[in-house]
């Protein structure tokens, strides 16, 4: 069973009530590894919301002294794949 940590982040466009991006980090049962997920709407991708959310998740992981965080990215999602490369993630085929 995974341990959901109650830390999530959402970004909204100023003067709007519309959520444009969300992120989560779920710890394993031991609390040493975490699986991340990021989702950003199509229109606000140019605002670098995905990058900000990933930075926030990495900060949470460091604060929790996790050994590893990982996520699953669709191979066609080149923006996220490039972002993961820039952040130093190891890319593996699932």
PDB file of N, CA and C in Angstrom:
ATOM      1  N   UNK A   1       0.846  -1.178   0.000  1.00  0.00           N
ATOM      2  CA  UNK A   1       0.000   0.000   0.000  1.00  0.00           C
ATOM      3  C   UNK A   1       0.890   1.240   0.000  1.00  0.00           C
ATOM      4  N   UNK A   2       0.537   2.214  -0.765  1.00  0.00           N
ATOM      5  CA  UNK A   2       1.335   3.432  -0.844  1.00  0.00           C
ATOM      6  C   UNK A   2       0.869   4.433   0.192  1.00  0.00           C
ATOM      7  N   UNK A   3       1.765   5.309   0.546  1.00  0.00           N
ATOM      8  CA  UNK A   3       1.482   6.349   1.524  1.00  0.00           C
ATOM      9  C   UNK A   3       1.334   7.663   0.795  1.00  0.00           C
ATOM     10  N   UNK A   4       0.115   8.159   0.668  1.00  0.00           N
ATOM     11  CA  UNK A   4      -0.109   9.428  -0.009  1.00  0.00           C
ATOM     12  C   UNK A   4       0.279  10.547   0.933  1.00  0.00           C
ATOM     13  N   UNK A   5       1.150  11.429   0.471  1.00  0.00           N
ATOM     14  CA  UNK A   5       1.485  12.573   1.301  1.00  0.00           C
ATOM     15  C   UNK A   5       0.583  13.728   0.907  1.00  0.00           C
ATOM     16  N   UNK A   6       0.126  14.471   1.875  1.00  0.00           N
ATOM     17  CA  UNK A   6      -0.871  15.510   1.579  1.00  0.00           C
ATOM     18  C   UNK A   6      -0.258  16.786   1.041  1.00  0.00           C
ATOM     19  N   UNK A   7       0.675  16.658   0.120  1.00  0.00           N
ATOM     20  CA  UNK A   7       1.282  17.834  -0.456  1.00  0.00           C
ATOM     21  C   UNK A   7       1.028  17.813  -1.952  1.00  0.00           C
ATOM     22  N   UNK A   8       0.326  18.771  -2.402  1.00  0.00           N
ATOM     23  CA  UNK A   8       0.044  18.906  -3.824  1.00  0.00           C
ATOM     24  C   UNK A   8       0.161  20.375  -4.168  1.00  0.00           C
ATOM     25  N   UNK A   9       0.287  20.646  -5.406  1.00  0.00           N
ATOM     26  CA  UNK A   9       0.440  22.022  -5.852  1.00  0.00           C
ATOM     27  C   UNK A   9      -0.467  22.230  -7.039  1.00  0.00           C
ATOM     28  N   UNK A  10      -1.127  23.357  -7.091  1.00  0.00           N
ATOM     29  CA  UNK A  10      -1.906  23.695  -8.273  1.00  0.00           C
ATOM     30  C   UNK A  10      -1.625  25.140  -8.629  1.00  0.00           C
ATOM     31  N   UNK A  11      -1.715  25.446  -9.899  1.00  0.00           N
ATOM     32  CA  UNK A  11      -1.507  26.802 -10.384  1.00  0.00           C
ATOM     33  C   UNK A  11      -2.772  27.262 -11.088  1.00  0.00           C
ATOM     34  N   UNK A  12      -3.139  28.493 -10.849  1.00  0.00           N
ATOM     35  CA  UNK A  12      -4.297  29.075 -11.509  1.00  0.00           C
ATOM     36  C   UNK A  12      -3.864  30.338 -12.240  1.00  0.00           C
ATOM     37  N   UNK A  13      -4.527  30.622 -13.342  1.00  0.00           N
ATOM     38  CA  UNK A  13      -4.277  31.860 -14.063  1.00  0.00           C
ATOM     39  C   UNK A  13      -4.814  33.001 -13.209  1.00  0.00           C
ATOM     40  N   UNK A  14      -4.048  34.091 -13.004  1.00  0.00           N
ATOM     41  CA  UNK A  14      -4.541  35.211 -12.195  1.00  0.00           C
ATOM     42  C   UNK A  14      -5.916  35.676 -12.666  1.00  0.00           C
ATOM     43  N   UNK A  15      -6.744  36.071 -11.712  1.00  0.00           N
ATOM     44  CA  UNK A  15      -8.109  36.534 -11.979  1.00  0.00           C
ATOM     45  C   UNK A  15      -8.961  35.454 -12.645  1.00  0.00           C
ATOM     46  N   UNK A  16      -8.653  34.210 -12.365  1.00  0.00           N
ATOM     47  CA  UNK A  16      -9.407  33.102 -12.933  1.00  0.00           C
ATOM     48  C   UNK A  16      -9.568  32.020 -11.875  1.00  0.00           C
ATOM     49  N   UNK A  17     -10.581  31.238 -11.988  1.00  0.00           N
ATOM     50  CA  UNK A  17     -10.812  30.128 -11.069  1.00  0.00           C
ATOM     51  C   UNK A  17     -10.510  28.792 -11.741  1.00  0.00           C
ATOM     52  N   UNK A  18      -9.867  28.816 -12.855  1.00  0.00           N
ATOM     53  CA  UNK A  18      -9.597  27.604 -13.622  1.00  0.00           C
ATOM     54  C   UNK A  18      -8.240  27.023 -13.224  1.00  0.00           C
ATOM     55  N   UNK A  19      -8.223  25.762 -12.838  1.00  0.00           N
ATOM     56  CA  UNK A  19      -6.957  25.079 -12.533  1.00  0.00           C
ATOM     57  C   UNK A  19      -6.277  24.743 -13.852  1.00  0.00           C
ATOM     58  N   UNK A  20      -4.985  25.091 -13.952  1.00  0.00           N
ATOM     59  CA  UNK A  20      -4.270  24.852 -15.212  1.00  0.00           C
ATOM     60  C   UNK A  20      -3.183  23.791 -15.087  1.00  0.00           C
ATOM     61  N   UNK A  21      -2.875  23.355 -13.868  1.00  0.00           N
ATOM     62  CA  UNK A  21      -1.880  22.316 -13.691  1.00  0.00           C
ATOM     63  C   UNK A  21      -1.935  21.732 -12.295  1.00  0.00           C
ATOM     64  N   UNK A  22      -1.615  20.452 -12.186  1.00  0.00           N
ATOM     65  CA  UNK A  22      -1.576  19.776 -10.895  1.00  0.00           C
ATOM     66  C   UNK A  22      -0.369  18.846 -10.853  1.00  0.00           C
ATOM     67  N   UNK A  23       0.083  18.543  -9.644  1.00  0.00           N
ATOM     68  CA  UNK A  23       1.195  17.616  -9.453  1.00  0.00           C
ATOM     69  C   UNK A  23       0.971  16.832  -8.173  1.00  0.00           C
ATOM     70  N   UNK A  24       1.527  15.630  -8.143  1.00  0.00           N
ATOM     71  CA  UNK A  24       1.450  14.821  -6.924  1.00  0.00           C
ATOM     72  C   UNK A  24       2.703  13.980  -6.797  1.00  0.00           C
ATOM     73  N   UNK A  25       2.970  13.578  -5.563  1.00  0.00           N
ATOM     74  CA  UNK A  25       4.098  12.709  -5.263  1.00  0.00           C
ATOM     75  C   UNK A  25       3.611  11.702  -4.241  1.00  0.00           C
ATOM     76  N   UNK A  26       3.636  10.425  -4.599  1.00  0.00           N
ATOM     77  CA  UNK A  26       3.146   9.369  -3.723  1.00  0.00           C
ATOM     78  C   UNK A  26       4.336   8.527  -3.280  1.00  0.00           C
ATOM     79  N   UNK A  27       4.497   8.411  -1.971  1.00  0.00           N
ATOM     80  CA  UNK A  27       5.609   7.652  -1.418  1.00  0.00           C
ATOM     81  C   UNK A  27       5.302   6.163  -1.388  1.00  0.00           C
ATOM     82  N   UNK A  28       6.371   5.356  -1.466  1.00  0.00           N
ATOM     83  CA  UNK A  28       6.195   3.919  -1.302  1.00  0.00           C
ATOM     84  C   UNK A  28       5.966   3.615   0.181  1.00  0.00           C
ATOM     85  N   UNK A  29       5.707   2.366   0.502  1.00  0.00           N
ATOM     86  CA  UNK A  29       5.371   1.981   1.872  1.00  0.00           C
ATOM     87  C   UNK A  29       6.500   2.271   2.855  1.00  0.00           C
ATOM     88  N   UNK A  30       7.726   2.225   2.392  1.00  0.00           N
ATOM     89  CA  UNK A  30       8.880   2.464   3.270  1.00  0.00           C
ATOM     90  C   UNK A  30       9.188   3.951   3.392  1.00  0.00           C
ATOM     91  N   UNK A  31       8.751   4.725   2.421  1.00  0.00           N
ATOM     92  CA  UNK A  31       8.980   6.160   2.462  1.00  0.00           C
ATOM     93  C   UNK A  31      10.332   6.599   1.928  1.00  0.00           C
ATOM     94  N   UNK A  32      10.931   5.758   1.074  1.00  0.00           N
ATOM     95  CA  UNK A  32      12.244   6.083   0.517  1.00  0.00           C
ATOM     96  C   UNK A  32      12.183   6.473  -0.958  1.00  0.00           C
ATOM     97  N   UNK A  33      11.100   6.105  -1.636  1.00  0.00           N
ATOM     98  CA  UNK A  33      10.946   6.412  -3.059  1.00  0.00           C
ATOM     99  C   UNK A  33       9.567   7.016  -3.273  1.00  0.00           C
ATOM    100  N   UNK A  34       9.442   7.811  -4.342  1.00  0.00           N
ATOM    101  CA  UNK A  34       8.155   8.414  -4.632  1.00  0.00           C
ATOM    102  C   UNK A  34       7.883   8.439  -6.119  1.00  0.00           C
ATOM    103  N   UNK A  35       6.633   8.201  -6.469  1.00  0.00           N
ATOM    104  CA  UNK A  35       6.202   8.293  -7.855  1.00  0.00           C
ATOM    105  C   UNK A  35       5.531   9.642  -8.058  1.00  0.00           C
ATOM    106  N   UNK A  36       5.989  10.376  -9.076  1.00  0.00           N
ATOM    107  CA  UNK A  36       5.422  11.696  -9.341  1.00  0.00           C
ATOM    108  C   UNK A  36       4.474  11.637 -10.531  1.00  0.00           C
ATOM    109  N   UNK A  37       3.599  12.601 -10.576  1.00  0.00           N
ATOM    110  CA  UNK A  37       2.717  12.791 -11.730  1.00  0.00           C
ATOM    111  C   UNK A  37       2.483  14.286 -11.888  1.00  0.00           C
ATOM    112  N   UNK A  38       2.525  14.751 -13.116  1.00  0.00           N
ATOM    113  CA  UNK A  38       2.296  16.157 -13.437  1.00  0.00           C
ATOM    114  C   UNK A  38       1.325  16.209 -14.610  1.00  0.00           C
ATOM    115  N   UNK A  39       0.373  17.102 -14.523  1.00  0.00           N
ATOM    116  CA  UNK A  39      -0.570  17.289 -15.622  1.00  0.00           C
ATOM    117  C   UNK A  39      -0.811  18.785 -15.809  1.00  0.00           C
ATOM    118  N   UNK A  40      -0.643  19.237 -17.044  1.00  0.00           N
ATOM    119  CA  UNK A  40      -0.831  20.654 -17.366  1.00  0.00           C
ATOM    120  C   UNK A  40      -1.734  20.732 -18.589  1.00  0.00           C
ATOM    121  N   UNK A  41      -2.684  21.654 -18.557  1.00  0.00           N
ATOM    122  CA  UNK A  41      -3.566  21.855 -19.692  1.00  0.00           C
ATOM    123  C   UNK A  41      -2.799  22.298 -20.924  1.00  0.00           C
ATOM    124  N   UNK A  42      -3.396  22.143 -22.092  1.00  0.00           N
ATOM    125  CA  UNK A  42      -2.726  22.466 -23.354  1.00  0.00           C
ATOM    126  C   UNK A  42      -2.393  23.950 -23.497  1.00  0.00           C
ATOM    127  N   UNK A  43      -3.312  24.830 -23.189  1.00  0.00           N
ATOM    128  CA  UNK A  43      -3.091  26.260 -23.415  1.00  0.00           C
ATOM    129  C   UNK A  43      -1.983  26.861 -22.571  1.00  0.00           C
ATOM    130  N   UNK A  44      -1.880  26.566 -21.281  1.00  0.00           N
ATOM    131  CA  UNK A  44      -0.863  27.240 -20.463  1.00  0.00           C
ATOM    132  C   UNK A  44       0.528  26.617 -20.505  1.00  0.00           C
ATOM    133  N   UNK A  45       0.804  25.675 -21.400  1.00  0.00           N
ATOM    134  CA  UNK A  45       2.111  25.032 -21.405  1.00  0.00           C
ATOM    135  C   UNK A  45       3.244  26.028 -21.628  1.00  0.00           C
ATOM    136  N   UNK A  46       2.987  27.103 -22.337  1.00  0.00           N
ATOM    137  CA  UNK A  46       4.035  28.092 -22.594  1.00  0.00           C
ATOM    138  C   UNK A  46       4.385  28.895 -21.339  1.00  0.00           C
ATOM    139  N   UNK A  47       3.598  28.765 -20.278  1.00  0.00           N
ATOM    140  CA  UNK A  47       3.877  29.478 -19.028  1.00  0.00           C
ATOM    141  C   UNK A  47       4.894  28.744 -18.157  1.00  0.00           C
ATOM    142  N   UNK A  48       5.366  27.602 -18.609  1.00  0.00           N
ATOM    143  CA  UNK A  48       6.355  26.783 -17.886  1.00  0.00           C
ATOM    144  C   UNK A  48       5.810  26.268 -16.562  1.00  0.00           C
ATOM    145  N   UNK A  49       4.510  26.049 -16.498  1.00  0.00           N
ATOM    146  CA  UNK A  49       3.883  25.529 -15.292  1.00  0.00           C
ATOM    147  C   UNK A  49       4.424  24.135 -14.970  1.00  0.00           C
ATOM    148  N   UNK A  50       4.584  23.300 -15.994  1.00  0.00           N
ATOM    149  CA  UNK A  50       5.131  21.955 -15.784  1.00  0.00           C
ATOM    150  C   UNK A  50       6.496  22.004 -15.131  1.00  0.00           C
ATOM    151  N   UNK A  51       7.345  22.928 -15.569  1.00  0.00           N
ATOM    152  CA  UNK A  51       8.678  23.080 -14.975  1.00  0.00           C
ATOM    153  C   UNK A  51       8.582  23.503 -13.515  1.00  0.00           C
ATOM    154  N   UNK A  52       7.691  24.428 -13.233  1.00  0.00           N
ATOM    155  CA  UNK A  52       7.516  24.895 -11.856  1.00  0.00           C
ATOM    156  C   UNK A  52       6.994  23.778 -10.963  1.00  0.00           C
ATOM    157  N   UNK A  53       6.061  22.995 -11.479  1.00  0.00           N
ATOM    158  CA  UNK A  53       5.530  21.882 -10.702  1.00  0.00           C
ATOM    159  C   UNK A  53       6.605  20.828 -10.441  1.00  0.00           C
ATOM    160  N   UNK A  54       7.400  20.515 -11.457  1.00  0.00           N
ATOM    161  CA  UNK A  54       8.486  19.542 -11.271  1.00  0.00           C
ATOM    162  C   UNK A  54       9.496  20.050 -10.242  1.00  0.00           C
ATOM    163  N   UNK A  55       9.847  21.325 -10.326  1.00  0.00           N
ATOM    164  CA  UNK A  55      10.769  21.899  -9.339  1.00  0.00           C
ATOM    165  C   UNK A  55      10.208  21.761  -7.927  1.00  0.00           C
ATOM    166  N   UNK A  56       8.918  21.988  -7.787  1.00  0.00           N
ATOM    167  CA  UNK A  56       8.267  21.879  -6.489  1.00  0.00           C
ATOM    168  C   UNK A  56       8.300  20.432  -5.982  1.00  0.00           C
ATOM    169  N   UNK A  57       8.028  19.467  -6.862  1.00  0.00           N
ATOM    170  CA  UNK A  57       8.075  18.063  -6.466  1.00  0.00           C
ATOM    171  C   UNK A  57       9.478  17.636  -6.058  1.00  0.00           C
ATOM    172  N   UNK A  58      10.474  18.113  -6.782  1.00  0.00           N
ATOM    173  CA  UNK A  58      11.857  17.784  -6.434  1.00  0.00           C
ATOM    174  C   UNK A  58      12.210  18.368  -5.077  1.00  0.00           C
ATOM    175  N   UNK A  59      11.746  19.577  -4.789  1.00  0.00           N
ATOM    176  CA  UNK A  59      11.981  20.186  -3.483  1.00  0.00           C
ATOM    177  C   UNK A  59      11.335  19.360  -2.371  1.00  0.00           C
ATOM    178  N   UNK A  60      10.104  18.913  -2.598  1.00  0.00           N
ATOM    179  CA  UNK A  60       9.435  18.068  -1.608  1.00  0.00           C
ATOM    180  C   UNK A  60      10.238  16.786  -1.381  1.00  0.00           C
ATOM    181  N   UNK A  61      10.683  16.163  -2.472  1.00  0.00           N
ATOM    182  CA  UNK A  61      11.454  14.922  -2.364  1.00  0.00           C
ATOM    183  C   UNK A  61      12.739  15.138  -1.565  1.00  0.00           C
ATOM    184  N   UNK A  62      13.406  16.249  -1.806  1.00  0.00           N
ATOM    185  CA  UNK A  62      14.631  16.548  -1.051  1.00  0.00           C
ATOM    186  C   UNK A  62      14.311  16.799   0.422  1.00  0.00           C
ATOM    187  N   UNK A  63      13.237  17.538   0.680  1.00  0.00           N
ATOM    188  CA  UNK A  63      12.836  17.793   2.067  1.00  0.00           C
ATOM    189  C   UNK A  63      12.507  16.501   2.802  1.00  0.00           C
ATOM    190  N   UNK A  64      11.956  15.520   2.085  1.00  0.00           N
ATOM    191  CA  UNK A  64      11.598  14.230   2.673  1.00  0.00           C
ATOM    192  C   UNK A  64      12.768  13.249   2.634  1.00  0.00           C
ATOM    193  N   UNK A  65      13.905  13.697   2.111  1.00  0.00           N
ATOM    194  CA  UNK A  65      15.121  12.884   1.950  1.00  0.00           C
ATOM    195  C   UNK A  65      14.848  11.556   1.231  1.00  0.00           C
ATOM    196  N   UNK A  66      14.067  11.638   0.162  1.00  0.00           N
ATOM    197  CA  UNK A  66      13.798  10.443  -0.640  1.00  0.00           C
ATOM    198  C   UNK A  66      15.055  10.039  -1.393  1.00  0.00           C
ATOM    199  N   UNK A  67      15.223   8.753  -1.585  1.00  0.00           N
ATOM    200  CA  UNK A  67      16.359   8.241  -2.352  1.00  0.00           C
ATOM    201  C   UNK A  67      16.131   8.365  -3.852  1.00  0.00           C
ATOM    202  N   UNK A  68      14.864   8.306  -4.264  1.00  0.00           N
ATOM    203  CA  UNK A  68      14.569   8.285  -5.698  1.00  0.00           C
ATOM    204  C   UNK A  68      13.135   8.758  -5.916  1.00  0.00           C
ATOM    205  N   UNK A  69      12.934   9.508  -7.006  1.00  0.00           N
ATOM    206  CA  UNK A  69      11.581   9.758  -7.490  1.00  0.00           C
ATOM    207  C   UNK A  69      11.535   9.327  -8.948  1.00  0.00           C
ATOM    208  N   UNK A  70      10.382   8.859  -9.355  1.00  0.00           N
ATOM    209  CA  UNK A  70      10.232   8.354 -10.718  1.00  0.00           C
ATOM    210  C   UNK A  70       8.820   8.643 -11.210  1.00  0.00           C
ATOM    211  N   UNK A  71       8.667   8.606 -12.503  1.00  0.00           N
ATOM    212  CA  UNK A  71       7.359   8.806 -13.109  1.00  0.00           C
ATOM    213  C   UNK A  71       7.320   8.129 -14.459  1.00  0.00           C
ATOM    214  N   UNK A  72       6.138   8.004 -14.989  1.00  0.00           N
ATOM    215  CA  UNK A  72       5.934   7.401 -16.300  1.00  0.00           C
ATOM    216  C   UNK A  72       5.478   8.493 -17.255  1.00  0.00           C
ATOM    217  N   UNK A  73       6.175   8.594 -18.378  1.00  0.00           N
ATOM    218  CA  UNK A  73       5.888   9.637 -19.357  1.00  0.00           C
ATOM    219  C   UNK A  73       5.641   8.968 -20.705  1.00  0.00           C
ATOM    220  N   UNK A  74       4.584   9.365 -21.366  1.00  0.00           N
ATOM    221  CA  UNK A  74       4.309   8.853 -22.708  1.00  0.00           C
ATOM    222  C   UNK A  74       5.434   9.315 -23.634  1.00  0.00           C
ATOM    223  N   UNK A  75       5.979   8.410 -24.413  1.00  0.00           N
ATOM    224  CA  UNK A  75       7.129   8.711 -25.268  1.00  0.00           C
ATOM    225  C   UNK A  75       6.857   9.864 -26.230  1.00  0.00           C
ATOM    226  N   UNK A  76       5.609  10.041 -26.645  1.00  0.00           N
ATOM    227  CA  UNK A  76       5.264  11.129 -27.565  1.00  0.00           C
ATOM    228  C   UNK A  76       5.261  12.499 -26.897  1.00  0.00           C
ATOM    229  N   UNK A  77       5.315  12.538 -25.585  1.00  0.00           N
ATOM    230  CA  UNK A  77       5.293  13.803 -24.854  1.00  0.00           C
ATOM    231  C   UNK A  77       6.722  14.364 -24.809  1.00  0.00           C
ATOM    232  N   UNK A  78       7.156  14.918 -25.925  1.00  0.00           N
ATOM    233  CA  UNK A  78       8.544  15.358 -26.050  1.00  0.00           C
ATOM    234  C   UNK A  78       8.891  16.496 -25.085  1.00  0.00           C
ATOM    235  N   UNK A  79       7.939  17.375 -24.788  1.00  0.00           N
ATOM    236  CA  UNK A  79       8.228  18.472 -23.854  1.00  0.00           C
ATOM    237  C   UNK A  79       8.581  17.927 -22.482  1.00  0.00           C
ATOM    238  N   UNK A  80       7.817  16.957 -22.007  1.00  0.00           N
ATOM    239  CA  UNK A  80       8.099  16.390 -20.694  1.00  0.00           C
ATOM    240  C   UNK A  80       9.364  15.540 -20.718  1.00  0.00           C
ATOM    241  N   UNK A  81       9.576  14.805 -21.801  1.00  0.00           N
ATOM    242  CA  UNK A  81      10.804  14.004 -21.910  1.00  0.00           C
ATOM    243  C   UNK A  81      12.029  14.914 -21.884  1.00  0.00           C
ATOM    244  N   UNK A  82      11.970  16.033 -22.615  1.00  0.00           N
ATOM    245  CA  UNK A  82      13.082  16.987 -22.602  1.00  0.00           C
ATOM    246  C   UNK A  82      13.279  17.591 -21.209  1.00  0.00           C
ATOM    247  N   UNK A  83      12.162  17.904 -20.541  1.00  0.00           N
ATOM    248  CA  UNK A  83      12.236  18.452 -19.191  1.00  0.00           C
ATOM    249  C   UNK A  83      12.922  17.452 -18.245  1.00  0.00           C
ATOM    250  N   UNK A  84      12.539  16.195 -18.336  1.00  0.00           N
ATOM    251  CA  UNK A  84      13.151  15.160 -17.492  1.00  0.00           C
ATOM    252  C   UNK A  84      14.645  15.027 -17.777  1.00  0.00           C
ATOM    253  N   UNK A  85      15.014  15.100 -19.050  1.00  0.00           N
ATOM    254  CA  UNK A  85      16.441  15.062 -19.403  1.00  0.00           C
ATOM    255  C   UNK A  85      17.190  16.236 -18.785  1.00  0.00           C
ATOM    256  N   UNK A  86      16.610  17.434 -18.897  1.00  0.00           N
ATOM    257  CA  UNK A  86      17.262  18.629 -18.340  1.00  0.00           C
ATOM    258  C   UNK A  86      17.432  18.531 -16.829  1.00  0.00           C
ATOM    259  N   UNK A  87      16.475  17.879 -16.171  1.00  0.00           N
ATOM    260  CA  UNK A  87      16.524  17.749 -14.725  1.00  0.00           C
ATOM    261  C   UNK A  87      17.424  16.609 -14.250  1.00  0.00           C
ATOM    262  N   UNK A  88      17.941  15.823 -15.201  1.00  0.00           N
ATOM    263  CA  UNK A  88      18.877  14.757 -14.862  1.00  0.00           C
ATOM    264  C   UNK A  88      18.251  13.413 -14.595  1.00  0.00           C
ATOM    265  N   UNK A  89      16.967  13.237 -14.967  1.00  0.00           N
ATOM    266  CA  UNK A  89      16.330  11.941 -14.782  1.00  0.00           C
ATOM    267  C   UNK A  89      16.905  10.932 -15.765  1.00  0.00           C
ATOM    268  N   UNK A  90      16.994   9.699 -15.347  1.00  0.00           N
ATOM    269  CA  UNK A  90      17.414   8.603 -16.219  1.00  0.00           C
ATOM    270  C   UNK A  90      16.189   8.124 -16.982  1.00  0.00           C
ATOM    271  N   UNK A  91      16.271   8.072 -18.304  1.00  0.00           N
ATOM    272  CA  UNK A  91      15.149   7.661 -19.142  1.00  0.00           C
ATOM    273  C   UNK A  91      15.287   6.176 -19.431  1.00  0.00           C
ATOM    274  N   UNK A  92      14.245   5.417 -19.108  1.00  0.00           N
ATOM    275  CA  UNK A  92      14.230   3.973 -19.362  1.00  0.00           C
ATOM    276  C   UNK A  92      12.945   3.616 -20.078  1.00  0.00           C
ATOM    277  N   UNK A  93      12.987   2.555 -20.875  1.00  0.00           N
ATOM    278  CA  UNK A  93      11.764   2.042 -21.492  1.00  0.00           C
ATOM    279  C   UNK A  93      11.025   1.201 -20.472  1.00  0.00           C
ATOM    280  N   UNK A  94       9.723   1.413 -20.376  1.00  0.00           N
ATOM    281  CA  UNK A  94       8.915   0.654 -19.403  1.00  0.00           C
ATOM    282  C   UNK A  94       8.400  -0.620 -20.015  1.00  0.00           C
TER     283      UNK A  94
END
